[in-house]
């Protein structure tokens, strides 16, 4: 059984027991979270929502919060002696999928 969920403008395919990094939720470890923005659920037969599947939810448990690797943004305009270098580290919340219900 798997589900496709939406969080932070991104879509994730999840199964029970999976670990995924979501955008920072500001939750403490061991906290339970329920996502109701389920786009599709497959439990033998595929159910697709318009846009979300009614009554479907995904149970998550927060494992930790952290920061990803640094991403470098570099822009250069040729022949203009103009360049820009910036970087950032995305903050995330690592969660474990504990249950999917349709």
Protein backbone atom coordinates (compact mmCIF):
# COMPACT_ATOMS: atom_id res chain seq x y z
CA UNK A 1 0.00 0.00 0.00
CA UNK A 2 1.31 3.43 -0.89
CA UNK A 3 0.05 7.01 -0.98
CA UNK A 4 1.03 10.21 -2.74
CA UNK A 5 0.96 13.18 -0.39
CA UNK A 6 1.43 16.92 -0.82
CA UNK A 7 3.49 19.03 1.58
CA UNK A 8 5.16 22.40 1.04
CA UNK A 9 4.34 22.52 -2.68
CA UNK A 10 6.03 19.16 -3.30
CA UNK A 11 4.63 15.67 -3.78
CA UNK A 12 5.99 12.53 -2.11
CA UNK A 13 5.26 8.84 -2.69
CA UNK A 14 5.25 7.13 0.73
CA UNK A 15 4.78 3.65 2.16
CA UNK A 16 4.53 2.52 5.76
CA UNK A 17 7.94 2.56 7.44
CA UNK A 18 9.47 5.15 5.04
CA UNK A 19 11.56 8.06 6.30
CA UNK A 20 11.17 11.36 4.41
CA UNK A 21 12.41 14.94 4.84
CA UNK A 22 9.59 17.49 4.79
CA UNK A 23 9.89 21.26 5.00
CA UNK A 24 10.39 22.42 8.59
CA UNK A 25 7.20 21.86 10.61
CA UNK A 26 8.40 23.14 13.99
CA UNK A 27 7.41 19.93 15.79
CA UNK A 28 9.25 18.20 18.60
CA UNK A 29 10.60 14.63 18.31
CA UNK A 30 8.15 11.74 18.93
CA UNK A 31 5.22 14.06 18.07
CA UNK A 32 2.44 12.58 15.92
CA UNK A 33 1.28 14.45 12.78
CA UNK A 34 -1.65 13.66 10.49
CA UNK A 35 -1.62 14.77 6.84
CA UNK A 36 -4.97 14.92 5.05
CA UNK A 37 -3.66 16.29 1.74
CA UNK A 38 -3.54 12.85 0.10
CA UNK A 39 -3.58 13.00 -3.70
CA UNK A 40 -3.79 9.24 -4.37
CA UNK A 41 -3.95 5.97 -2.45
CA UNK A 42 -3.23 2.46 -3.76
CA UNK A 43 -4.44 -0.43 -1.58
CA UNK A 44 -4.97 -3.00 -4.30
CA UNK A 45 -6.98 -0.52 -6.34
CA UNK A 46 -5.88 3.03 -7.15
CA UNK A 47 -8.01 5.87 -5.75
CA UNK A 48 -7.25 9.29 -7.21
CA UNK A 49 -8.59 12.44 -5.58
CA UNK A 50 -9.98 15.60 -7.15
CA UNK A 51 -7.72 17.14 -5.81
CA UNK A 52 -7.62 15.14 -2.54
CA UNK A 53 -8.97 11.69 -1.63
CA UNK A 54 -11.86 12.06 0.83
CA UNK A 55 -11.32 10.37 4.18
CA UNK A 56 -7.71 9.42 3.42
CA UNK A 57 -4.95 10.35 5.84
CA UNK A 58 -1.31 9.57 6.49
CA UNK A 59 0.03 9.27 10.05
CA UNK A 60 3.58 10.55 10.63
CA UNK A 61 5.94 10.53 13.60
CA UNK A 62 8.62 13.22 13.90
CA UNK A 63 12.14 11.77 14.20
CA UNK A 64 14.34 14.89 14.15
CA UNK A 65 14.89 18.34 12.69
CA UNK A 66 18.01 19.45 10.87
CA UNK A 67 19.64 21.23 7.94
CA UNK A 68 20.48 19.89 4.47
CA UNK A 69 23.78 20.34 2.66
CA UNK A 70 24.59 23.86 1.48
CA UNK A 71 23.21 24.82 -1.94
CA UNK A 72 25.26 27.38 -3.88
CA UNK A 73 23.52 29.86 -6.18
CA UNK A 74 25.90 31.42 -8.68
CA UNK A 75 24.80 33.91 -11.33
CA UNK A 76 27.13 35.43 -13.93
CA UNK A 77 26.37 37.82 -16.77
CA UNK A 78 28.88 37.46 -19.58
CA UNK A 79 30.99 40.44 -20.57
CA UNK A 80 29.42 42.62 -17.85
CA UNK A 81 31.85 41.92 -14.98
CA UNK A 82 28.78 41.09 -12.92
CA UNK A 83 28.48 38.01 -10.74
CA UNK A 84 26.60 36.96 -7.64
CA UNK A 85 27.31 34.07 -5.28
CA UNK A 86 24.88 33.12 -2.52
CA UNK A 87 24.15 29.98 -0.57
CA UNK A 88 21.61 28.56 1.85
CA UNK A 89 20.85 25.43 3.86
CA UNK A 90 17.26 24.18 3.76
CA UNK A 91 15.79 23.30 7.15
CA UNK A 92 13.81 20.08 7.26
CA UNK A 93 11.83 17.83 9.57
CA UNK A 94 12.61 14.11 9.25
CA UNK A 95 9.48 12.00 9.71
CA UNK A 96 8.59 8.31 9.67
CA UNK A 97 5.36 7.12 8.06
CA UNK A 98 3.52 5.04 10.67
CA UNK A 99 0.18 4.47 8.95
CA UNK A 100 -1.88 5.04 5.80
CA UNK A 101 -5.67 4.84 5.85
CA UNK A 102 -8.01 5.30 2.91
